[in-house]
Amino acid sequence: MTRRKLLVTSASGTLALAAADYIPKRKYRAVIIGHTGQGNYGHDWHTAWHGIANVEVTALADANEAGRQKAIQQVGGAGVKGYAEYREMIAREKPDIVNICPRTLDERLAMVTAAAEAGAHILMEKPFARNLREADAIEALVKKHKIKLQLGHSARGMSVTAGARDLLRNGKLGVLEEIRARGKEDRRAGGEDLIVLGTHCFDLMRYFTGANPEWVFAHATEKGRELTSAMMHPAGEAVGQIGGDNISAMFGFPNGVHAYFGSQNNDVLTGSRFGVFLNGSRGFVFVPLNAVPSDEPYHLDSPAWVPEKGEPWVRIPYAEGKPSDRHFANKVMALDLLEAIETGREPVCSAQDGRWTIEMVAGIYASHFSGARTRFPLSKRA
């Protein structure tokens, strides 16, 4: 890879080349949707267009006036119009791209619907949707209106993630035997961790295997008791119904690869285990997800998965030098969306990729409540 080129994979599984300094071939009008106090602007997605040529942020919608004025200054100042209601903004501004920034999900489907029906492409904070029914609806809207949607699972766009996958594809890890992933396991450990942060893990499971899971077998408890449907409740933020403080799941992928996920309430809340472990017959890689941009992955060239003979741990470096802030990751995803629009390929984290993360979350609950292995796609979509 050259210094400023990042290898990424589209939803179709084909390799695409996204440039961190890509220059769009035409001009675009972008608008921002945020909601101060109700999901805010997620991981600063409203500033993703800073430094990108040929993209003008024309307007920003936020129902909170004070938050709206503050965000307007952050994205461009006097030249940016302010709106209290995002539907009015989209109707008046006729944008090419809509940024859906709140990390909460109660209005996610409505926001996507407004953007899609206006024919605007979408850059969107994760999670994808609060349930599988809404995830299906969002994917259908993207297909119907022939737009591109980029979901903010920014680890996909990072050169270190591609570097870890290159080790796997080039045989440096041998045969992939299993994938292990842990949520952040902070105060949200369990159900809220599952939907808010576990989706990063599920997305990378598909990214590294290049395939969709075939089935899931899962178990969940709440304070030592078996989780029941009556124990499900709204999350701390508006991201849907959650349950359990100890969740474990095993996914079956093609070629006999099993992928494991766990999130458990415990006495260490640092989030340092948050990430994806690739265990191969010849070596091991840990891809951290505790920061944005992610820290450099660890590679151990040992079939024992420990430094049995003094093998050194080696960090996989960023091709472009380690980024200093979150804006780099957001900008890469924004640029990849522009390139996808102009070339016709799928974005690095498409609507299909996003829907699969919610399918895997729903599959965990479906398997636990049925007490059985559950096959994908799920037959019950509600």
Protein backbone atom coordinates (compact mmCIF):
# COMPACT_ATOMS: atom_id res chain seq x y z
CA MET A 1 0.00 0.00 0.00
CA THR A 2 1.19 3.50 -0.73
CA ARG A 3 1.28 6.13 1.99
CA ARG A 4 -2.22 7.54 1.50
CA LYS A 5 -4.07 4.60 0.00
CA LEU A 6 -6.36 2.37 2.04
CA LEU A 7 -7.53 -1.05 0.92
CA VAL A 8 -11.15 -1.65 1.77
CA THR A 9 -13.80 -4.24 0.94
CA SER A 10 -17.27 -3.46 -0.33
CA ALA A 11 -20.43 -5.35 0.64
CA SER A 12 -20.01 -7.51 -2.45
CA GLY A 13 -16.65 -8.73 -1.12
CA THR A 14 -14.64 -7.18 -3.95
CA LEU A 15 -11.55 -5.12 -3.23
CA ALA A 16 -11.87 -1.41 -3.82
CA LEU A 17 -9.24 1.30 -3.48
CA ALA A 18 -10.20 4.31 -1.39
CA ALA A 19 -7.85 7.28 -1.30
CA ALA A 20 -7.47 9.32 1.88
CA ASP A 21 -6.91 12.33 -0.39
CA TYR A 22 -9.59 11.48 -2.96
CA ILE A 23 -10.91 14.53 -4.85
CA PRO A 24 -14.57 14.32 -5.93
CA LYS A 25 -15.19 14.88 -9.63
CA ARG A 26 -18.12 17.24 -9.05
CA LYS A 27 -19.53 19.50 -6.36
CA TYR A 28 -21.86 18.19 -3.63
CA ARG A 29 -24.28 19.89 -1.25
CA ALA A 30 -24.34 18.23 2.17
CA VAL A 31 -26.65 18.83 5.14
CA ILE A 32 -26.32 17.70 8.74
CA ILE A 33 -28.89 16.18 11.09
CA GLY A 34 -28.08 16.30 14.80
CA HIS A 35 -30.05 16.50 18.03
CA THR A 36 -28.34 18.02 21.04
CA GLY A 37 -29.25 16.06 24.16
CA GLN A 38 -30.75 13.23 22.11
CA GLY A 39 -27.80 11.45 20.54
CA ASN A 40 -26.03 14.74 19.75
CA TYR A 41 -23.74 14.38 16.71
CA GLY A 42 -22.48 10.91 17.51
CA HIS A 43 -18.73 10.60 17.18
CA ASP A 44 -18.37 14.11 15.68
CA TRP A 45 -19.78 13.06 12.30
CA HIS A 46 -20.93 16.62 11.60
CA THR A 47 -17.30 17.63 11.00
CA ALA A 48 -16.53 14.76 8.62
CA TRP A 49 -16.49 17.06 5.56
CA HIS A 50 -13.78 19.37 6.91
CA GLY A 51 -10.92 19.54 4.43
CA ILE A 52 -12.75 17.69 1.62
CA ALA A 53 -12.75 19.44 -1.72
CA ASN A 54 -15.97 20.06 -3.67
CA VAL A 55 -18.30 19.41 -0.70
CA GLU A 56 -20.22 22.35 0.77
CA VAL A 57 -22.18 21.97 4.00
CA THR A 58 -25.19 24.20 3.35
CA ALA A 59 -27.40 23.57 6.39
CA LEU A 60 -27.74 21.90 9.77
CA ALA A 61 -30.87 20.77 11.65
CA ASP A 62 -31.06 20.44 15.43
CA ALA A 63 -34.21 20.79 17.53
CA ASN A 64 -32.13 22.33 20.33
CA GLU A 65 -31.44 25.98 19.45
CA ALA A 66 -28.33 26.41 21.59
CA GLY A 67 -26.88 23.14 20.31
CA ARG A 68 -27.76 24.09 16.75
CA GLN A 69 -25.89 27.40 16.92
CA LYS A 70 -22.84 25.74 18.46
CA ALA A 71 -22.78 23.00 15.80
CA ILE A 72 -23.19 25.55 12.99
CA GLN A 73 -19.99 27.26 14.12
CA GLN A 74 -18.23 23.89 14.18
CA VAL A 75 -19.19 23.01 10.60
CA GLY A 76 -18.73 26.33 8.83
CA GLY A 77 -20.26 29.31 10.58
CA ALA A 78 -22.24 32.09 8.91
CA GLY A 79 -22.66 30.37 5.56
CA VAL A 80 -24.51 27.41 7.09
CA LYS A 81 -28.30 27.73 7.49
CA GLY A 82 -29.94 26.48 10.67
CA TYR A 83 -33.20 24.53 10.92
CA ALA A 84 -35.15 23.20 13.89
CA GLU A 85 -36.70 20.41 11.80
CA TYR A 86 -34.73 18.12 9.52
CA ARG A 87 -37.58 17.37 7.09
CA GLU A 88 -37.97 21.07 6.33
CA MET A 89 -34.21 21.37 5.83
CA ILE A 90 -34.08 18.49 3.36
CA ALA A 91 -37.10 19.80 1.43
CA ARG A 92 -35.68 23.32 1.14
CA GLU A 93 -31.98 22.55 0.64
CA LYS A 94 -32.34 19.63 -1.82
CA PRO A 95 -29.01 18.11 -0.71
CA ASP A 96 -26.89 15.51 -2.47
CA ILE A 97 -25.79 14.00 0.85
CA VAL A 98 -27.39 13.88 4.31
CA ASN A 99 -25.31 13.23 7.44
CA ILE A 100 -27.41 11.42 10.04
CA CYS A 101 -25.35 12.03 13.16
CA PRO A 102 -27.33 11.20 16.36
CA ARG A 103 -26.21 7.97 18.01
CA THR A 104 -29.77 7.34 19.23
CA LEU A 105 -32.13 5.33 17.05
CA ASP A 106 -35.68 6.40 17.86
CA GLU A 107 -35.85 8.61 14.73
CA ARG A 108 -33.34 6.71 12.61
CA LEU A 109 -35.84 5.17 10.17
CA ALA A 110 -37.70 8.47 9.77
CA MET A 111 -34.46 10.33 9.05
CA VAL A 112 -33.34 7.76 6.48
CA THR A 113 -36.78 7.86 4.87
CA ALA A 114 -36.65 11.65 4.50
CA ALA A 115 -33.17 11.53 2.96
CA ALA A 116 -33.86 8.58 0.66
CA GLU A 117 -37.13 9.96 -0.68
CA ALA A 118 -35.25 13.16 -1.54
CA GLY A 119 -32.72 11.09 -3.50
CA ALA A 120 -29.85 12.01 -1.15
CA HIS A 121 -26.98 9.69 -0.29
CA ILE A 122 -26.36 9.08 3.42
CA LEU A 123 -23.41 9.15 5.83
CA MET A 124 -24.72 7.70 9.09
CA GLU A 125 -23.59 7.05 12.66
CA LYS A 126 -23.88 3.50 13.96
CA PRO A 127 -25.77 1.46 15.17
CA PHE A 128 -27.74 0.86 12.00
CA ALA A 129 -31.23 0.46 13.50
CA ARG A 130 -32.94 -0.34 16.79
CA ASN A 131 -34.47 -3.62 15.56
CA LEU A 132 -34.47 -5.96 12.59
CA ARG A 133 -37.75 -4.73 11.16
CA GLU A 134 -36.37 -1.19 10.89
CA ALA A 135 -33.05 -2.50 9.56
CA ASP A 136 -34.90 -4.28 6.76
CA ALA A 137 -36.85 -1.11 6.00
CA ILE A 138 -33.68 1.01 5.78
CA GLU A 139 -31.97 -1.46 3.45
CA ALA A 140 -35.11 -1.55 1.27
CA LEU A 141 -35.20 2.27 1.08
CA VAL A 142 -31.58 2.40 -0.07
CA LYS A 143 -32.27 -0.14 -2.80
CA LYS A 144 -35.55 1.43 -3.90
CA HIS A 145 -34.14 4.93 -4.29
CA LYS A 146 -30.78 3.74 -5.67
CA ILE A 147 -28.72 5.73 -3.21
CA LYS A 148 -25.52 4.92 -1.32
CA LEU A 149 -25.42 4.64 2.47
CA GLN A 150 -22.17 4.63 4.44
CA LEU A 151 -22.43 3.41 8.05
CA GLY A 152 -19.93 4.69 10.62
CA HIS A 153 -18.15 1.44 11.43
CA SER A 154 -14.92 3.29 10.78
CA ALA A 155 -12.59 0.40 11.67
CA ARG A 156 -13.39 -0.98 8.20
CA GLY A 157 -11.75 2.01 6.54
CA MET A 158 -8.51 1.91 8.52
CA SER A 159 -5.32 0.66 6.89
CA VAL A 160 -4.40 -1.33 10.02
CA THR A 161 -7.61 -3.35 9.71
CA ALA A 162 -6.80 -4.07 6.07
CA GLY A 163 -3.27 -4.98 7.20
CA ALA A 164 -4.64 -7.55 9.65
CA ARG A 165 -6.81 -9.02 6.91
CA ASP A 166 -3.82 -9.14 4.55
CA LEU A 167 -1.96 -11.33 7.06
CA LEU A 168 -4.93 -13.68 7.03
CA ARG A 169 -5.34 -13.72 3.24
CA ASN A 170 -1.62 -14.10 2.61
CA GLY A 171 -1.44 -17.19 4.81
CA LYS A 172 0.68 -15.59 7.55
CA LEU A 173 -1.82 -16.77 10.16
CA GLY A 174 -2.27 -20.18 8.55
CA VAL A 175 -5.81 -21.55 8.55
CA LEU A 176 -8.31 -19.33 10.37
CA GLU A 177 -9.56 -21.55 13.18
CA GLU A 178 -11.71 -19.15 15.16
CA ILE A 179 -12.58 -15.52 15.85
CA ARG A 180 -13.12 -14.21 19.36
CA ALA A 181 -14.56 -10.81 20.17
CA ARG A 182 -15.44 -8.92 23.32
CA GLY A 183 -17.59 -5.87 23.76
CA LYS A 184 -16.32 -2.83 25.61
CA GLU A 185 -17.76 -4.19 28.88
CA ASP A 186 -17.99 -0.81 30.58
CA ARG A 187 -21.05 0.26 32.61
CA ARG A 188 -23.20 -0.85 29.62
CA ALA A 189 -21.92 -4.45 29.66
CA GLY A 190 -24.43 -6.94 28.34
CA GLY A 191 -27.41 -5.87 26.26
CA GLU A 192 -26.56 -2.20 25.76
CA ASP A 193 -22.95 -3.07 24.91
CA LEU A 194 -24.31 -5.61 22.44
CA ILE A 195 -26.25 -3.11 20.32
CA VAL A 196 -24.08 0.00 20.81
CA LEU A 197 -20.59 -1.49 20.44
CA GLY A 198 -20.97 -5.19 19.69
CA THR A 199 -22.02 -4.28 16.17
CA HIS A 200 -18.40 -3.25 15.50
CA CYS A 201 -17.36 -6.81 16.37
CA PHE A 202 -20.05 -8.42 14.21
CA ASP A 203 -19.16 -6.19 11.29
CA LEU A 204 -15.49 -7.21 11.50
CA MET A 205 -16.38 -10.89 11.76
CA ARG A 206 -17.95 -10.61 8.31
CA TYR A 207 -15.12 -8.37 7.08
CA PHE A 208 -12.39 -10.85 8.02
CA THR A 209 -14.20 -14.01 6.90
CA GLY A 210 -15.59 -12.40 3.74
CA ALA A 211 -18.82 -14.27 4.42
CA ASN A 212 -22.15 -14.12 6.23
CA PRO A 213 -22.83 -16.22 9.35
CA GLU A 214 -24.99 -19.29 8.79
CA TRP A 215 -26.28 -19.72 12.37
CA VAL A 216 -25.95 -18.55 15.98
CA PHE A 217 -26.20 -20.25 19.39
CA ALA A 218 -26.43 -17.88 22.37
CA HIS A 219 -27.12 -17.57 26.09
CA ALA A 220 -27.93 -14.53 28.27
CA THR A 221 -28.44 -13.94 31.97
CA GLU A 222 -29.33 -10.93 34.14
CA LYS A 223 -27.83 -10.92 37.65
CA GLY A 224 -27.42 -14.68 37.43
CA ARG A 225 -31.01 -15.35 36.30
CA GLU A 226 -31.97 -16.65 32.88
CA LEU A 227 -33.02 -13.73 30.72
CA THR A 228 -36.73 -13.83 29.81
CA SER A 229 -38.62 -11.70 27.31
CA ALA A 230 -40.40 -10.01 30.24
CA MET A 231 -37.00 -8.74 31.45
CA MET A 232 -36.27 -6.84 28.24
CA HIS A 233 -36.33 -3.06 28.73
CA PRO A 234 -35.40 0.21 27.01
CA ALA A 235 -31.68 0.99 26.98
CA GLY A 236 -30.16 3.98 28.77
CA GLU A 237 -30.30 5.85 25.46
CA ALA A 238 -32.89 5.41 22.73
CA VAL A 239 -31.29 2.46 20.95
CA GLY A 240 -34.09 -0.07 21.40
CA GLN A 241 -34.97 -2.90 23.77
CA ILE A 242 -32.11 -4.65 25.58
CA GLY A 243 -31.65 -7.34 28.18
CA GLY A 244 -28.97 -9.27 30.05
CA ASP A 245 -25.73 -8.32 31.75
CA ASN A 246 -23.87 -11.47 30.68
CA ILE A 247 -24.20 -12.44 27.02
CA SER A 248 -22.31 -15.13 25.12
CA ALA A 249 -22.79 -16.19 21.51
CA MET A 250 -21.19 -18.49 18.96
CA PHE A 251 -21.67 -17.84 15.23
CA GLY A 252 -21.11 -20.45 12.56
CA PHE A 253 -19.42 -19.17 9.39
CA PRO A 254 -18.66 -21.12 6.20
CA ASN A 255 -15.60 -23.43 6.10
CA GLY A 256 -16.04 -24.45 9.72
CA VAL A 257 -15.02 -21.09 11.21
CA HIS A 258 -16.65 -20.30 14.53
CA ALA A 259 -16.81 -16.75 15.87
CA TYR A 260 -17.47 -16.05 19.53
CA PHE A 261 -18.77 -12.88 21.20
CA GLY A 262 -19.03 -12.04 24.87
CA SER A 263 -20.00 -9.07 27.02
CA GLN A 264 -20.22 -9.46 30.79
CA ASN A 265 -20.69 -7.11 33.72
CA ASN A 266 -17.40 -7.29 35.65
CA ASP A 267 -15.01 -5.40 37.93
CA VAL A 268 -12.77 -3.89 35.20
CA LEU A 269 -14.38 -1.11 33.15
CA THR A 270 -11.41 0.11 31.09
CA GLY A 271 -12.62 -1.38 27.80
CA SER A 272 -9.12 -2.63 27.05
CA ARG A 273 -10.40 -6.04 25.87
CA PHE A 274 -12.79 -4.48 23.35
CA GLY A 275 -11.80 -5.86 19.96
CA VAL A 276 -11.53 -8.86 17.66
CA PHE A 277 -9.08 -11.75 17.98
CA LEU A 278 -8.12 -13.74 14.87
CA ASN A 279 -6.77 -17.17 15.82
CA GLY A 280 -5.03 -19.02 13.00
CA SER A 281 -3.14 -22.31 12.89
CA ARG A 282 0.17 -20.43 12.58
CA GLY A 283 -0.43 -17.15 14.35
CA PHE A 284 -2.65 -14.70 16.15
CA VAL A 285 -3.83 -11.09 15.66
CA PHE A 286 -5.71 -8.83 18.07
CA VAL A 287 -7.51 -5.85 16.48
CA PRO A 288 -8.31 -3.31 19.25
CA LEU A 289 -11.51 -1.26 19.04
CA ASN A 290 -11.04 0.78 22.21
CA ALA A 291 -10.32 4.04 20.36
CA VAL A 292 -11.20 5.92 17.16
CA PRO A 293 -9.02 5.62 15.17
CA SER A 294 -8.20 2.18 16.53
CA ASP A 295 -4.84 1.43 18.09
CA GLU A 296 -2.45 -0.62 15.98
CA PRO A 297 -3.29 -4.36 16.03
CA TYR A 298 -0.98 -6.88 17.67
CA HIS A 299 0.44 -9.80 15.66
CA LEU A 300 2.08 -12.85 17.22
CA ASP A 301 3.76 -15.32 14.85
CA SER A 302 3.17 -18.37 17.03
CA PRO A 303 0.86 -21.38 16.53
CA ALA A 304 0.53 -21.60 20.33
CA TRP A 305 -1.13 -18.14 20.41
CA VAL A 306 1.32 -17.18 23.18
CA PRO A 307 5.06 -16.33 22.90
CA GLU A 308 5.97 -19.94 23.63
CA LYS A 309 9.51 -19.66 22.23
CA GLY A 310 10.09 -15.99 22.86
CA GLU A 311 8.34 -14.81 19.69
CA PRO A 312 7.92 -11.01 19.71
CA TRP A 313 4.61 -9.19 19.62
CA VAL A 314 4.60 -6.97 16.51
CA ARG A 315 2.29 -3.99 15.95
CA ILE A 316 0.67 -3.61 12.51
CA PRO A 317 1.42 0.03 11.58
CA TYR A 318 -0.83 2.55 9.90
CA ALA A 319 0.20 2.94 6.26
CA GLU A 320 -0.21 6.70 6.51
CA GLY A 321 1.24 7.12 10.01
CA LYS A 322 -0.96 6.86 13.08
CA PRO A 323 -3.78 9.44 12.92
CA SER A 324 -4.00 11.81 15.84
CA ASP A 325 -7.75 12.28 16.08
CA ARG A 326 -11.21 10.93 15.28
CA HIS A 327 -11.64 13.31 12.34
CA PHE A 328 -9.25 11.23 10.23
CA ALA A 329 -11.43 8.11 10.54
CA ASN A 330 -14.63 10.04 9.79
CA LYS A 331 -13.04 11.76 6.80
CA VAL A 332 -11.90 8.43 5.34
CA MET A 333 -15.46 7.10 5.54
CA ALA A 334 -16.85 10.30 3.97
CA LEU A 335 -14.33 10.11 1.11
CA ASP A 336 -15.11 6.46 0.55
CA LEU A 337 -18.81 7.34 0.26
CA LEU A 338 -17.99 9.96 -2.40
CA GLU A 339 -15.90 7.50 -4.36
CA ALA A 340 -18.67 4.90 -4.13
CA ILE A 341 -21.18 7.45 -5.46
CA GLU A 342 -18.94 8.32 -8.40
CA THR A 343 -17.85 4.79 -9.32
CA GLY A 344 -21.10 2.93 -8.62
CA ARG A 345 -19.54 0.45 -6.18
CA GLU A 346 -20.87 -0.11 -2.68
CA PRO A 347 -19.41 1.91 0.23
CA VAL A 348 -16.98 0.10 2.51
CA CYS A 349 -19.75 -0.30 5.13
CA SER A 350 -23.00 -0.39 3.18
CA ALA A 351 -26.65 -0.71 4.12
CA GLN A 352 -26.35 -4.46 3.64
CA ASP A 353 -23.40 -4.59 6.02
CA GLY A 354 -25.35 -2.52 8.53
CA ARG A 355 -28.44 -4.71 8.32
CA TRP A 356 -26.30 -7.80 8.98
CA THR A 357 -25.01 -6.36 12.26
CA ILE A 358 -28.59 -5.96 13.49
CA GLU A 359 -29.49 -9.41 12.17
CA MET A 360 -26.68 -10.86 14.30
CA VAL A 361 -27.86 -8.95 17.40
CA ALA A 362 -31.43 -10.13 16.86
CA GLY A 363 -30.16 -13.65 16.26
CA ILE A 364 -28.51 -13.72 19.69
CA TYR A 365 -31.81 -12.97 21.43
CA ALA A 366 -33.74 -15.31 19.14
CA SER A 367 -31.37 -18.18 19.91
CA HIS A 368 -31.38 -17.56 23.64
CA PHE A 369 -35.17 -17.34 23.93
CA SER A 370 -35.65 -20.48 21.82
CA GLY A 371 -32.87 -22.37 23.59
CA ALA A 372 -31.64 -23.62 20.25
CA ARG A 373 -29.26 -22.90 17.41
CA THR A 374 -30.87 -20.33 15.11
CA ARG A 375 -30.20 -20.13 11.38
CA PHE A 376 -29.73 -17.00 9.28
CA PRO A 377 -31.50 -15.21 7.78
CA LEU A 378 -33.95 -15.10 10.66
CA SER A 379 -37.44 -16.26 9.68
CA LYS A 380 -39.12 -13.89 12.16
CA ARG A 381 -38.25 -10.30 11.20
CA ALA A 382 -40.26 -8.50 13.91
